[in-house]
Amino acid sequence: MIDLTNQEWKEKTAADSNSVIIDVRTDEEVSEGIIPGAVHYDIFKPQEFMNAMNNMDAEKNYYVYCRAGSRSSQACQVMESLGLKNTYNLAGGFSNWDGATSNLEE
C-alpha cells in the first residue's frame, strides 16, 4: 500500500487506465458524494466487502478511500492479503478531498 496526497491521487488515477477506485465508507457517508468513477464497498459490511474483494482482478491498480484514511488503509491491507498487491490509499480521505465529486450511480 502506498499513501497518496490529493495531488498524487489525481495524477496517478488520470494516467492509469488499469485503475479501480473504491470507496469503503458507509452508505450514509456515500450519500454526501463520491469521487467520480468510484465503486462502493462498505468495509463495515465485512462479508460483502470480502466477497467483492475476492472477485477483484489482481492485475488492476486499486485506489481506496474512506472519510479520513484509516478504514481505507485497513482495506488496502486486507486486499493485499488477498493477493491484490497494487493498492493506494488516499491520505486524509474524502474529508480532505479537494477534487471533483459526484453522486453514486446505482
N, C-alpha and C. Protein backbone atom coordinates (compact mmCIF):
# COMPACT_ATOMS: atom_id res chain seq x y z
N MET A 1 0.84 -1.18 0.00
CA MET A 1 0.00 0.00 0.00
C MET A 1 0.88 1.24 0.00
N ILE A 2 0.47 2.18 -0.81
CA ILE A 2 1.16 3.46 -0.86
C ILE A 2 0.14 4.55 -0.54
N ASP A 3 0.48 5.43 0.40
CA ASP A 3 -0.37 6.57 0.71
C ASP A 3 -0.12 7.66 -0.32
N LEU A 4 -1.20 8.24 -0.83
CA LEU A 4 -1.10 9.31 -1.82
C LEU A 4 -1.76 10.58 -1.32
N THR A 5 -1.16 11.71 -1.63
CA THR A 5 -1.80 13.00 -1.36
C THR A 5 -2.90 13.21 -2.41
N ASN A 6 -3.71 14.23 -2.21
CA ASN A 6 -4.74 14.58 -3.20
C ASN A 6 -4.13 14.72 -4.59
N GLN A 7 -3.05 15.49 -4.68
CA GLN A 7 -2.43 15.76 -5.98
C GLN A 7 -1.88 14.48 -6.61
N GLU A 8 -1.19 13.67 -5.82
CA GLU A 8 -0.65 12.41 -6.34
C GLU A 8 -1.79 11.50 -6.83
N TRP A 9 -2.87 11.44 -6.05
CA TRP A 9 -4.03 10.62 -6.40
C TRP A 9 -4.60 11.05 -7.76
N LYS A 10 -4.80 12.36 -7.91
CA LYS A 10 -5.37 12.89 -9.16
C LYS A 10 -4.46 12.56 -10.34
N GLU A 11 -3.17 12.75 -10.18
CA GLU A 11 -2.22 12.49 -11.27
C GLU A 11 -2.19 11.01 -11.62
N LYS A 12 -2.10 10.15 -10.61
CA LYS A 12 -2.00 8.71 -10.86
C LYS A 12 -3.28 8.15 -11.48
N THR A 13 -4.44 8.52 -10.93
CA THR A 13 -5.68 7.97 -11.48
C THR A 13 -5.94 8.49 -12.89
N ALA A 14 -5.57 9.73 -13.17
CA ALA A 14 -5.77 10.28 -14.51
C ALA A 14 -4.92 9.55 -15.55
N ALA A 15 -3.74 9.10 -15.14
CA ALA A 15 -2.81 8.46 -16.07
C ALA A 15 -2.92 6.94 -16.08
N ASP A 16 -3.75 6.37 -15.22
CA ASP A 16 -3.80 4.91 -15.03
C ASP A 16 -5.05 4.32 -15.66
N SER A 17 -4.88 3.69 -16.81
CA SER A 17 -6.02 3.06 -17.50
C SER A 17 -6.39 1.72 -16.87
N ASN A 18 -5.63 1.29 -15.89
CA ASN A 18 -5.85 0.00 -15.24
C ASN A 18 -6.34 0.19 -13.80
N SER A 19 -6.99 1.32 -13.54
CA SER A 19 -7.34 1.66 -12.17
C SER A 19 -8.78 1.31 -11.82
N VAL A 20 -8.98 1.04 -10.53
CA VAL A 20 -10.31 0.87 -9.94
C VAL A 20 -10.31 1.73 -8.68
N ILE A 21 -11.27 2.64 -8.58
CA ILE A 21 -11.40 3.50 -7.40
C ILE A 21 -12.47 2.90 -6.51
N ILE A 22 -12.11 2.66 -5.24
CA ILE A 22 -13.03 2.03 -4.30
C ILE A 22 -13.27 2.94 -3.10
N ASP A 23 -14.54 3.18 -2.82
CA ASP A 23 -14.98 3.94 -1.66
C ASP A 23 -15.43 2.93 -0.61
N VAL A 24 -14.80 2.93 0.56
CA VAL A 24 -15.14 1.95 1.60
C VAL A 24 -15.94 2.56 2.75
N ARG A 25 -16.52 3.74 2.52
CA ARG A 25 -17.32 4.40 3.56
C ARG A 25 -18.70 3.74 3.70
N THR A 26 -19.44 4.19 4.70
CA THR A 26 -20.79 3.69 4.92
C THR A 26 -21.75 4.28 3.88
N ASP A 27 -22.94 3.68 3.77
CA ASP A 27 -23.96 4.20 2.86
C ASP A 27 -24.28 5.65 3.17
N GLU A 28 -24.39 5.97 4.45
CA GLU A 28 -24.71 7.34 4.86
C GLU A 28 -23.63 8.31 4.41
N GLU A 29 -22.37 7.93 4.59
CA GLU A 29 -21.26 8.80 4.17
C GLU A 29 -21.25 8.98 2.65
N VAL A 30 -21.52 7.91 1.93
CA VAL A 30 -21.50 7.96 0.48
C VAL A 30 -22.59 8.89 -0.06
N SER A 31 -23.69 9.02 0.69
CA SER A 31 -24.77 9.90 0.25
C SER A 31 -24.32 11.36 0.18
N GLU A 32 -23.19 11.69 0.82
CA GLU A 32 -22.64 13.04 0.78
C GLU A 32 -21.87 13.31 -0.51
N GLY A 33 -21.65 12.28 -1.31
CA GLY A 33 -20.92 12.40 -2.56
C GLY A 33 -19.74 11.44 -2.60
N ILE A 34 -19.27 11.17 -3.81
CA ILE A 34 -18.14 10.26 -4.01
C ILE A 34 -17.16 10.88 -5.01
N ILE A 35 -16.00 10.30 -5.07
CA ILE A 35 -15.05 10.67 -6.11
C ILE A 35 -15.56 10.04 -7.41
N PRO A 36 -15.66 10.81 -8.49
CA PRO A 36 -16.20 10.28 -9.74
C PRO A 36 -15.52 8.98 -10.18
N GLY A 37 -16.35 8.02 -10.59
CA GLY A 37 -15.86 6.74 -11.07
C GLY A 37 -15.68 5.69 -9.99
N ALA A 38 -15.89 6.07 -8.75
CA ALA A 38 -15.69 5.12 -7.64
C ALA A 38 -16.82 4.10 -7.57
N VAL A 39 -16.45 2.91 -7.11
CA VAL A 39 -17.43 1.88 -6.75
C VAL A 39 -17.45 1.81 -5.23
N HIS A 40 -18.58 1.44 -4.68
CA HIS A 40 -18.76 1.48 -3.22
C HIS A 40 -18.84 0.08 -2.64
N TYR A 41 -17.96 -0.21 -1.70
CA TYR A 41 -17.98 -1.45 -0.92
C TYR A 41 -17.73 -1.06 0.54
N ASP A 42 -18.77 -1.06 1.34
CA ASP A 42 -18.71 -0.65 2.74
C ASP A 42 -17.88 -1.66 3.54
N ILE A 43 -16.76 -1.21 4.08
CA ILE A 43 -15.90 -2.10 4.86
C ILE A 43 -16.56 -2.53 6.17
N PHE A 44 -17.58 -1.79 6.61
CA PHE A 44 -18.32 -2.18 7.82
C PHE A 44 -19.35 -3.27 7.54
N LYS A 45 -19.42 -3.73 6.30
CA LYS A 45 -20.22 -4.90 5.92
C LYS A 45 -19.21 -5.96 5.48
N PRO A 46 -18.54 -6.59 6.45
CA PRO A 46 -17.35 -7.39 6.15
C PRO A 46 -17.57 -8.53 5.16
N GLN A 47 -18.68 -9.23 5.24
CA GLN A 47 -18.88 -10.35 4.32
C GLN A 47 -19.03 -9.86 2.88
N GLU A 48 -19.82 -8.80 2.71
CA GLU A 48 -19.99 -8.22 1.37
C GLU A 48 -18.66 -7.68 0.85
N PHE A 49 -17.92 -7.02 1.72
CA PHE A 49 -16.62 -6.47 1.32
C PHE A 49 -15.67 -7.59 0.89
N MET A 50 -15.58 -8.63 1.69
CA MET A 50 -14.68 -9.75 1.37
C MET A 50 -15.10 -10.45 0.09
N ASN A 51 -16.40 -10.66 -0.09
CA ASN A 51 -16.88 -11.30 -1.32
C ASN A 51 -16.48 -10.48 -2.54
N ALA A 52 -16.66 -9.17 -2.45
CA ALA A 52 -16.29 -8.29 -3.57
C ALA A 52 -14.79 -8.33 -3.83
N MET A 53 -13.99 -8.25 -2.78
CA MET A 53 -12.54 -8.23 -2.95
C MET A 53 -12.02 -9.56 -3.50
N ASN A 54 -12.64 -10.65 -3.12
CA ASN A 54 -12.24 -11.96 -3.64
C ASN A 54 -12.48 -12.09 -5.14
N ASN A 55 -13.34 -11.24 -5.69
CA ASN A 55 -13.64 -11.29 -7.12
C ASN A 55 -12.90 -10.23 -7.93
N MET A 56 -12.01 -9.50 -7.29
CA MET A 56 -11.26 -8.45 -7.98
C MET A 56 -10.10 -9.05 -8.78
N ASP A 57 -9.71 -8.36 -9.83
CA ASP A 57 -8.61 -8.75 -10.71
C ASP A 57 -7.28 -8.32 -10.08
N ALA A 58 -6.41 -9.28 -9.81
CA ALA A 58 -5.13 -9.00 -9.15
C ALA A 58 -4.21 -8.13 -10.01
N GLU A 59 -4.51 -7.99 -11.30
CA GLU A 59 -3.67 -7.19 -12.19
C GLU A 59 -4.04 -5.71 -12.19
N LYS A 60 -5.16 -5.36 -11.57
CA LYS A 60 -5.61 -3.97 -11.55
C LYS A 60 -4.88 -3.18 -10.46
N ASN A 61 -4.98 -1.87 -10.55
CA ASN A 61 -4.45 -0.96 -9.53
C ASN A 61 -5.64 -0.39 -8.77
N TYR A 62 -5.63 -0.52 -7.45
CA TYR A 62 -6.77 -0.15 -6.63
C TYR A 62 -6.47 1.10 -5.81
N TYR A 63 -7.31 2.12 -6.02
CA TYR A 63 -7.22 3.40 -5.32
C TYR A 63 -8.37 3.43 -4.33
N VAL A 64 -8.06 3.42 -3.04
CA VAL A 64 -9.06 3.20 -2.00
C VAL A 64 -9.13 4.42 -1.08
N TYR A 65 -10.37 4.79 -0.71
CA TYR A 65 -10.52 5.91 0.22
C TYR A 65 -11.71 5.70 1.14
N CYS A 66 -11.67 6.40 2.27
CA CYS A 66 -12.77 6.44 3.23
C CYS A 66 -12.93 7.90 3.65
N ARG A 67 -13.48 8.14 4.81
CA ARG A 67 -13.68 9.53 5.24
C ARG A 67 -12.34 10.19 5.61
N ALA A 68 -11.49 9.50 6.38
CA ALA A 68 -10.27 10.13 6.88
C ALA A 68 -8.98 9.38 6.53
N GLY A 69 -9.06 8.19 5.99
CA GLY A 69 -7.87 7.45 5.58
C GLY A 69 -7.56 6.21 6.39
N SER A 70 -8.21 6.03 7.54
CA SER A 70 -7.91 4.89 8.39
C SER A 70 -8.55 3.59 7.88
N ARG A 71 -9.85 3.63 7.62
CA ARG A 71 -10.54 2.43 7.12
C ARG A 71 -9.99 2.01 5.76
N SER A 72 -9.68 2.99 4.91
CA SER A 72 -9.15 2.64 3.60
C SER A 72 -7.76 2.02 3.72
N SER A 73 -6.99 2.45 4.70
CA SER A 73 -5.69 1.83 4.95
C SER A 73 -5.88 0.37 5.37
N GLN A 74 -6.85 0.13 6.24
CA GLN A 74 -7.17 -1.24 6.65
C GLN A 74 -7.65 -2.06 5.46
N ALA A 75 -8.49 -1.44 4.62
CA ALA A 75 -8.99 -2.14 3.43
C ALA A 75 -7.84 -2.54 2.52
N CYS A 76 -6.88 -1.64 2.33
CA CYS A 76 -5.72 -1.95 1.50
C CYS A 76 -4.95 -3.14 2.06
N GLN A 77 -4.80 -3.19 3.37
CA GLN A 77 -4.09 -4.31 3.99
C GLN A 77 -4.84 -5.62 3.75
N VAL A 78 -6.16 -5.60 3.89
CA VAL A 78 -6.97 -6.79 3.63
C VAL A 78 -6.83 -7.20 2.16
N MET A 79 -6.92 -6.23 1.28
CA MET A 79 -6.81 -6.51 -0.15
C MET A 79 -5.46 -7.12 -0.49
N GLU A 80 -4.40 -6.59 0.10
CA GLU A 80 -3.07 -7.14 -0.15
C GLU A 80 -2.96 -8.58 0.35
N SER A 81 -3.62 -8.88 1.47
CA SER A 81 -3.59 -10.25 2.00
C SER A 81 -4.33 -11.22 1.07
N LEU A 82 -5.22 -10.68 0.23
CA LEU A 82 -5.96 -11.49 -0.73
C LEU A 82 -5.27 -11.55 -2.10
N GLY A 83 -4.08 -10.96 -2.19
CA GLY A 83 -3.32 -11.02 -3.44
C GLY A 83 -3.47 -9.81 -4.34
N LEU A 84 -4.17 -8.78 -3.87
CA LEU A 84 -4.31 -7.54 -4.65
C LEU A 84 -3.18 -6.61 -4.22
N LYS A 85 -2.07 -6.68 -4.91
CA LYS A 85 -0.82 -6.05 -4.45
C LYS A 85 -0.70 -4.57 -4.78
N ASN A 86 -1.45 -4.08 -5.76
CA ASN A 86 -1.29 -2.69 -6.20
C ASN A 86 -2.39 -1.84 -5.57
N THR A 87 -2.20 -1.46 -4.30
CA THR A 87 -3.20 -0.67 -3.60
C THR A 87 -2.64 0.68 -3.19
N TYR A 88 -3.50 1.69 -3.32
CA TYR A 88 -3.13 3.06 -2.99
C TYR A 88 -4.20 3.64 -2.08
N ASN A 89 -3.78 4.28 -1.02
CA ASN A 89 -4.68 4.86 -0.03
C ASN A 89 -4.66 6.38 -0.15
N LEU A 90 -5.85 6.99 -0.16
CA LEU A 90 -5.94 8.45 -0.19
C LEU A 90 -5.69 8.99 1.21
N ALA A 91 -4.52 9.57 1.43
CA ALA A 91 -4.17 10.12 2.74
C ALA A 91 -5.14 11.24 3.10
N GLY A 92 -5.72 11.17 4.29
CA GLY A 92 -6.67 12.19 4.71
C GLY A 92 -8.09 11.91 4.28
N GLY A 93 -8.27 10.98 3.34
CA GLY A 93 -9.59 10.55 2.93
C GLY A 93 -10.44 11.60 2.24
N PHE A 94 -11.72 11.28 2.12
CA PHE A 94 -12.68 12.14 1.42
C PHE A 94 -12.84 13.48 2.11
N SER A 95 -12.67 13.52 3.42
CA SER A 95 -12.84 14.79 4.14
C SER A 95 -11.79 15.82 3.74
N ASN A 96 -10.65 15.38 3.21
CA ASN A 96 -9.62 16.31 2.74
C ASN A 96 -9.59 16.42 1.21
N TRP A 97 -10.49 15.71 0.54
CA TRP A 97 -10.51 15.70 -0.93
C TRP A 97 -10.87 17.08 -1.46
N ASP A 98 -10.09 17.57 -2.41
CA ASP A 98 -10.38 18.88 -2.99
C ASP A 98 -10.66 18.79 -4.49
N GLY A 99 -10.90 17.58 -4.96
CA GLY A 99 -11.21 17.37 -6.37
C GLY A 99 -12.71 17.30 -6.62
N ALA A 100 -13.06 16.87 -7.81
CA ALA A 100 -14.47 16.76 -8.20
C ALA A 100 -15.17 15.68 -7.38
N THR A 101 -16.48 15.86 -7.20
CA THR A 101 -17.31 14.85 -6.55
C THR A 101 -18.55 14.64 -7.40
N SER A 102 -19.19 13.50 -7.18
CA SER A 102 -20.44 13.20 -7.86
C SER A 102 -21.29 12.35 -6.93
N ASN A 103 -22.44 11.92 -7.42
CA ASN A 103 -23.30 11.03 -6.66
C ASN A 103 -23.05 9.60 -7.12
N LEU A 104 -23.26 8.65 -6.23
CA LEU A 104 -23.09 7.24 -6.56
C LEU A 104 -24.12 6.85 -7.60
N GLU A 105 -23.65 6.21 -8.66
CA GLU A 105 -24.57 5.72 -9.69
C GLU A 105 -25.07 4.36 -9.27
N GLU A 106 -26.38 4.23 -9.21
CA GLU A 106 -26.98 2.96 -8.78
C GLU A 106 -26.95 1.95 -9.90
